[in-house]
Amino acid sequence: MKKENAYWGGEVPAQFLTDFLKPQIVTIYTPKPPGKLILMNRLKKDPYGDIEVLRAFWRINTKVLQSNIVHPLLIYADLLATCDLRNLETARIIYEKKLSKFDRED
């Protein structure tokens, strides 16, 4: 995906980071128009899962990203937004493993 300037978000990288979740929804972020990515990869509806291709809402700095996944904070937010219990548990794991070090004490 990186060569296409597209990055995994949501459940797919959550599985990579936690080995806890079996993805049901595939989320892909791209700075290009999503239709182009869909056509180039011949993505089709799947009765066993969903694919969402979203336009990246930030400027992707490919020099900063070391892999083909978005930042753990966005993965965490994607999971919370679903309100799905299995995703909320996975979000908690990601928070503890990757994000808790960013907590600030006032």
N, C-alpha and C. Protein backbone atom coordinates (compact mmCIF):
# COMPACT_ATOMS: atom_id res chain seq x y z
N MET A 1 0.81 -1.20 0.00
CA MET A 1 0.00 0.00 0.00
C MET A 1 0.86 1.26 0.00
N LYS A 2 2.02 1.22 0.61
CA LYS A 2 2.84 2.42 0.72
C LYS A 2 3.23 2.97 -0.65
N LYS A 3 3.51 2.07 -1.58
CA LYS A 3 3.91 2.54 -2.90
C LYS A 3 2.76 3.26 -3.59
N GLU A 4 1.54 2.97 -3.18
CA GLU A 4 0.37 3.65 -3.73
C GLU A 4 0.00 4.87 -2.90
N ASN A 5 0.83 5.18 -1.88
CA ASN A 5 0.57 6.30 -1.00
C ASN A 5 -0.77 6.13 -0.28
N ALA A 6 -1.00 4.91 0.20
CA ALA A 6 -2.19 4.59 0.97
C ALA A 6 -1.75 3.85 2.23
N TYR A 7 -2.50 4.04 3.30
CA TYR A 7 -2.08 3.51 4.60
C TYR A 7 -3.25 2.87 5.33
N TRP A 8 -2.96 1.77 6.03
CA TRP A 8 -3.98 1.07 6.80
C TRP A 8 -4.36 1.87 8.04
N GLY A 9 -5.64 1.91 8.32
CA GLY A 9 -6.14 2.51 9.55
C GLY A 9 -7.12 1.55 10.20
N GLY A 10 -7.56 1.86 11.40
CA GLY A 10 -8.60 1.08 12.06
C GLY A 10 -8.21 -0.32 12.46
N GLU A 11 -9.03 -1.30 12.08
CA GLU A 11 -8.91 -2.66 12.59
C GLU A 11 -7.71 -3.44 12.05
N VAL A 12 -7.31 -3.21 10.81
CA VAL A 12 -6.19 -3.98 10.24
C VAL A 12 -4.89 -3.72 11.00
N PRO A 13 -4.46 -2.46 11.17
CA PRO A 13 -3.23 -2.27 11.94
C PRO A 13 -3.41 -2.58 13.43
N ALA A 14 -4.64 -2.50 13.92
CA ALA A 14 -4.89 -2.88 15.31
C ALA A 14 -4.56 -4.36 15.51
N GLN A 15 -4.88 -5.17 14.51
CA GLN A 15 -4.52 -6.59 14.59
C GLN A 15 -3.00 -6.74 14.60
N PHE A 16 -2.29 -5.98 13.75
CA PHE A 16 -0.83 -6.05 13.71
C PHE A 16 -0.22 -5.65 15.05
N LEU A 17 -0.77 -4.60 15.67
CA LEU A 17 -0.19 -4.07 16.90
C LEU A 17 -0.51 -4.91 18.13
N THR A 18 -1.66 -5.61 18.12
CA THR A 18 -2.10 -6.31 19.33
C THR A 18 -2.18 -7.82 19.19
N ASP A 19 -2.31 -8.32 17.98
CA ASP A 19 -2.56 -9.74 17.73
C ASP A 19 -3.79 -10.20 18.53
N PHE A 20 -4.78 -9.31 18.65
CA PHE A 20 -5.96 -9.56 19.47
C PHE A 20 -7.25 -9.54 18.66
N LEU A 21 -7.26 -8.81 17.59
CA LEU A 21 -8.50 -8.51 16.87
C LEU A 21 -8.49 -9.14 15.48
N LYS A 22 -9.61 -9.72 15.10
CA LYS A 22 -9.78 -10.19 13.72
C LYS A 22 -10.58 -9.11 12.99
N PRO A 23 -9.95 -8.42 12.04
CA PRO A 23 -10.63 -7.29 11.40
C PRO A 23 -11.89 -7.69 10.63
N GLN A 24 -12.91 -6.87 10.80
CA GLN A 24 -14.14 -7.03 10.03
C GLN A 24 -14.30 -5.88 9.04
N ILE A 25 -13.72 -4.74 9.38
CA ILE A 25 -13.78 -3.57 8.51
C ILE A 25 -12.35 -3.18 8.15
N VAL A 26 -12.11 -3.02 6.87
CA VAL A 26 -10.78 -2.60 6.39
C VAL A 26 -10.86 -1.12 6.09
N THR A 27 -9.99 -0.35 6.73
CA THR A 27 -9.95 1.09 6.53
C THR A 27 -8.63 1.46 5.87
N ILE A 28 -8.73 2.20 4.79
CA ILE A 28 -7.55 2.65 4.05
C ILE A 28 -7.63 4.17 3.92
N TYR A 29 -6.54 4.84 4.27
CA TYR A 29 -6.44 6.29 4.12
C TYR A 29 -5.53 6.60 2.94
N THR A 30 -5.94 7.54 2.12
CA THR A 30 -5.14 7.96 0.98
C THR A 30 -5.31 9.46 0.75
N PRO A 31 -4.24 10.14 0.37
CA PRO A 31 -4.37 11.57 0.08
C PRO A 31 -4.97 11.81 -1.31
N LYS A 32 -4.99 10.79 -2.12
CA LYS A 32 -5.55 10.91 -3.47
C LYS A 32 -7.06 10.66 -3.43
N PRO A 33 -7.77 11.01 -4.47
CA PRO A 33 -9.20 10.71 -4.49
C PRO A 33 -9.43 9.20 -4.28
N PRO A 34 -10.29 8.82 -3.34
CA PRO A 34 -10.50 7.41 -3.03
C PRO A 34 -10.95 6.57 -4.23
N GLY A 35 -11.70 7.16 -5.15
CA GLY A 35 -12.18 6.41 -6.31
C GLY A 35 -11.04 5.82 -7.12
N LYS A 36 -9.95 6.55 -7.23
CA LYS A 36 -8.80 6.09 -8.01
C LYS A 36 -8.19 4.84 -7.37
N LEU A 37 -8.05 4.83 -6.06
CA LEU A 37 -7.51 3.67 -5.36
C LEU A 37 -8.43 2.47 -5.51
N ILE A 38 -9.73 2.70 -5.43
CA ILE A 38 -10.71 1.63 -5.58
C ILE A 38 -10.60 1.01 -6.96
N LEU A 39 -10.52 1.84 -7.99
CA LEU A 39 -10.42 1.33 -9.36
C LEU A 39 -9.09 0.62 -9.62
N MET A 40 -7.98 1.22 -9.14
CA MET A 40 -6.66 0.64 -9.38
C MET A 40 -6.52 -0.75 -8.76
N ASN A 41 -7.17 -0.95 -7.62
CA ASN A 41 -7.05 -2.22 -6.90
C ASN A 41 -8.25 -3.14 -7.11
N ARG A 42 -9.17 -2.68 -7.96
CA ARG A 42 -10.36 -3.47 -8.29
C ARG A 42 -11.10 -3.95 -7.04
N LEU A 43 -11.26 -3.04 -6.09
CA LEU A 43 -11.97 -3.37 -4.85
C LEU A 43 -13.45 -3.56 -5.14
N LYS A 44 -14.01 -4.59 -4.51
CA LYS A 44 -15.43 -4.91 -4.71
C LYS A 44 -16.09 -5.17 -3.38
N LYS A 45 -17.41 -5.13 -3.37
CA LYS A 45 -18.15 -5.46 -2.16
C LYS A 45 -17.86 -6.90 -1.76
N ASP A 46 -17.77 -7.12 -0.46
CA ASP A 46 -17.53 -8.45 0.07
C ASP A 46 -18.62 -8.75 1.09
N PRO A 47 -19.35 -9.85 0.95
CA PRO A 47 -20.42 -10.16 1.90
C PRO A 47 -19.90 -10.46 3.30
N TYR A 48 -18.60 -10.68 3.45
CA TYR A 48 -18.04 -11.02 4.76
C TYR A 48 -17.32 -9.88 5.44
N GLY A 49 -17.34 -8.72 4.86
CA GLY A 49 -16.66 -7.59 5.47
C GLY A 49 -16.79 -6.34 4.64
N ASP A 50 -16.34 -5.25 5.20
CA ASP A 50 -16.45 -3.97 4.53
C ASP A 50 -15.08 -3.35 4.33
N ILE A 51 -14.95 -2.60 3.26
CA ILE A 51 -13.75 -1.82 3.00
C ILE A 51 -14.18 -0.36 2.93
N GLU A 52 -13.50 0.48 3.70
CA GLU A 52 -13.76 1.91 3.58
C GLU A 52 -12.46 2.59 3.16
N VAL A 53 -12.56 3.35 2.10
CA VAL A 53 -11.41 4.10 1.61
C VAL A 53 -11.71 5.56 1.90
N LEU A 54 -10.87 6.16 2.74
CA LEU A 54 -11.10 7.52 3.21
C LEU A 54 -9.98 8.44 2.73
N ARG A 55 -10.36 9.62 2.43
CA ARG A 55 -9.36 10.63 2.06
C ARG A 55 -8.62 11.05 3.32
N ALA A 56 -7.32 11.02 3.28
CA ALA A 56 -6.51 11.44 4.43
C ALA A 56 -6.82 12.90 4.71
N PHE A 57 -7.07 13.22 5.95
CA PHE A 57 -7.42 14.58 6.34
C PHE A 57 -6.21 15.37 6.82
N TRP A 58 -5.06 14.78 6.70
CA TRP A 58 -3.81 15.43 7.09
C TRP A 58 -2.81 15.26 5.96
N ARG A 59 -1.77 16.04 6.02
CA ARG A 59 -0.72 15.92 5.01
C ARG A 59 0.19 14.76 5.41
N ILE A 60 0.22 13.75 4.58
CA ILE A 60 1.01 12.56 4.88
C ILE A 60 2.47 12.83 4.57
N ASN A 61 3.29 12.70 5.60
CA ASN A 61 4.73 12.86 5.43
C ASN A 61 5.33 11.46 5.35
N THR A 62 5.60 10.98 4.16
CA THR A 62 6.08 9.62 3.98
C THR A 62 7.46 9.40 4.60
N LYS A 63 8.20 10.47 4.83
CA LYS A 63 9.51 10.32 5.47
C LYS A 63 9.36 9.99 6.95
N VAL A 64 8.23 10.42 7.55
CA VAL A 64 7.99 10.17 8.97
C VAL A 64 7.42 8.77 9.18
N LEU A 65 6.48 8.36 8.32
CA LEU A 65 5.87 7.05 8.47
C LEU A 65 6.88 5.97 8.09
N GLN A 66 7.10 5.05 8.99
CA GLN A 66 8.08 4.00 8.75
C GLN A 66 7.44 2.72 8.23
N SER A 67 6.14 2.68 8.18
CA SER A 67 5.46 1.49 7.70
C SER A 67 4.24 1.92 6.90
N ASN A 68 3.41 0.99 6.57
CA ASN A 68 2.23 1.32 5.79
C ASN A 68 0.98 1.44 6.66
N ILE A 69 1.17 1.78 7.93
CA ILE A 69 0.03 2.00 8.81
C ILE A 69 0.05 3.45 9.33
N VAL A 70 -1.13 3.93 9.68
CA VAL A 70 -1.23 5.28 10.22
C VAL A 70 -0.71 5.29 11.66
N HIS A 71 -0.59 6.45 12.23
CA HIS A 71 -0.11 6.61 13.61
C HIS A 71 -1.07 5.88 14.57
N PRO A 72 -0.55 5.29 15.65
CA PRO A 72 -1.40 4.58 16.60
C PRO A 72 -2.53 5.44 17.18
N LEU A 73 -2.33 6.75 17.27
CA LEU A 73 -3.40 7.60 17.78
C LEU A 73 -4.62 7.58 16.86
N LEU A 74 -4.39 7.56 15.55
CA LEU A 74 -5.50 7.49 14.61
C LEU A 74 -6.13 6.09 14.62
N ILE A 75 -5.34 5.06 14.78
CA ILE A 75 -5.88 3.70 14.90
C ILE A 75 -6.80 3.65 16.12
N TYR A 76 -6.32 4.19 17.23
CA TYR A 76 -7.09 4.25 18.48
C TYR A 76 -8.41 4.98 18.26
N ALA A 77 -8.36 6.14 17.61
CA ALA A 77 -9.57 6.93 17.35
C ALA A 77 -10.54 6.18 16.43
N ASP A 78 -10.00 5.55 15.40
CA ASP A 78 -10.85 4.76 14.50
C ASP A 78 -11.60 3.68 15.26
N LEU A 79 -10.91 3.00 16.15
CA LEU A 79 -11.54 1.93 16.93
C LEU A 79 -12.61 2.47 17.88
N LEU A 80 -12.31 3.56 18.57
CA LEU A 80 -13.29 4.15 19.48
C LEU A 80 -14.54 4.61 18.75
N ALA A 81 -14.37 5.12 17.54
CA ALA A 81 -15.50 5.65 16.78
C ALA A 81 -16.53 4.58 16.42
N THR A 82 -16.13 3.33 16.42
CA THR A 82 -17.06 2.26 16.06
C THR A 82 -18.04 1.92 17.18
N CYS A 83 -17.67 2.21 18.42
CA CYS A 83 -18.47 1.86 19.61
C CYS A 83 -18.71 0.36 19.73
N ASP A 84 -17.93 -0.44 19.03
CA ASP A 84 -18.01 -1.89 19.07
C ASP A 84 -17.18 -2.38 20.26
N LEU A 85 -17.74 -3.26 21.08
CA LEU A 85 -17.04 -3.68 22.30
C LEU A 85 -15.69 -4.32 22.02
N ARG A 86 -15.60 -5.12 20.96
CA ARG A 86 -14.31 -5.76 20.66
C ARG A 86 -13.28 -4.72 20.24
N ASN A 87 -13.72 -3.68 19.54
CA ASN A 87 -12.81 -2.61 19.13
C ASN A 87 -12.42 -1.74 20.32
N LEU A 88 -13.35 -1.54 21.24
CA LEU A 88 -13.04 -0.73 22.43
C LEU A 88 -11.98 -1.43 23.28
N GLU A 89 -12.08 -2.75 23.40
CA GLU A 89 -11.07 -3.51 24.15
C GLU A 89 -9.71 -3.43 23.45
N THR A 90 -9.72 -3.54 22.14
CA THR A 90 -8.48 -3.43 21.37
C THR A 90 -7.89 -2.03 21.49
N ALA A 91 -8.75 -1.01 21.49
CA ALA A 91 -8.29 0.37 21.66
C ALA A 91 -7.60 0.53 23.01
N ARG A 92 -8.15 -0.10 24.05
CA ARG A 92 -7.54 -0.04 25.38
C ARG A 92 -6.13 -0.64 25.34
N ILE A 93 -5.98 -1.76 24.66
CA ILE A 93 -4.68 -2.41 24.55
C ILE A 93 -3.69 -1.50 23.81
N ILE A 94 -4.13 -0.90 22.72
CA ILE A 94 -3.26 0.00 21.96
C ILE A 94 -2.88 1.21 22.81
N TYR A 95 -3.84 1.72 23.56
CA TYR A 95 -3.53 2.85 24.44
C TYR A 95 -2.42 2.47 25.42
N GLU A 96 -2.59 1.31 26.06
CA GLU A 96 -1.60 0.88 27.06
C GLU A 96 -0.23 0.61 26.45
N LYS A 97 -0.21 0.02 25.24
CA LYS A 97 1.07 -0.34 24.61
C LYS A 97 1.76 0.83 23.92
N LYS A 98 0.99 1.69 23.27
CA LYS A 98 1.58 2.70 22.39
C LYS A 98 1.35 4.15 22.79
N LEU A 99 0.28 4.44 23.53
CA LEU A 99 -0.08 5.84 23.74
C LEU A 99 0.03 6.32 25.17
N SER A 100 0.03 5.44 26.14
CA SER A 100 0.05 5.87 27.53
C SER A 100 1.30 6.69 27.87
N LYS A 101 2.37 6.45 27.15
CA LYS A 101 3.61 7.20 27.42
C LYS A 101 3.46 8.69 27.10
N PHE A 102 2.42 9.04 26.36
CA PHE A 102 2.19 10.43 26.01
C PHE A 102 1.30 11.16 27.02
N ASP A 103 0.82 10.43 28.05
CA ASP A 103 -0.02 11.07 29.08
C ASP A 103 0.77 12.20 29.74
N ARG A 104 0.08 13.28 30.00
CA ARG A 104 0.72 14.41 30.66
C ARG A 104 0.17 14.55 32.08
N GLU A 105 1.03 14.87 32.98
CA GLU A 105 0.60 15.20 34.32
C GLU A 105 0.57 16.71 34.44
N ASP A 106 -0.52 17.22 35.01
CA ASP A 106 -0.64 18.68 35.18
C ASP A 106 -0.02 19.12 36.48
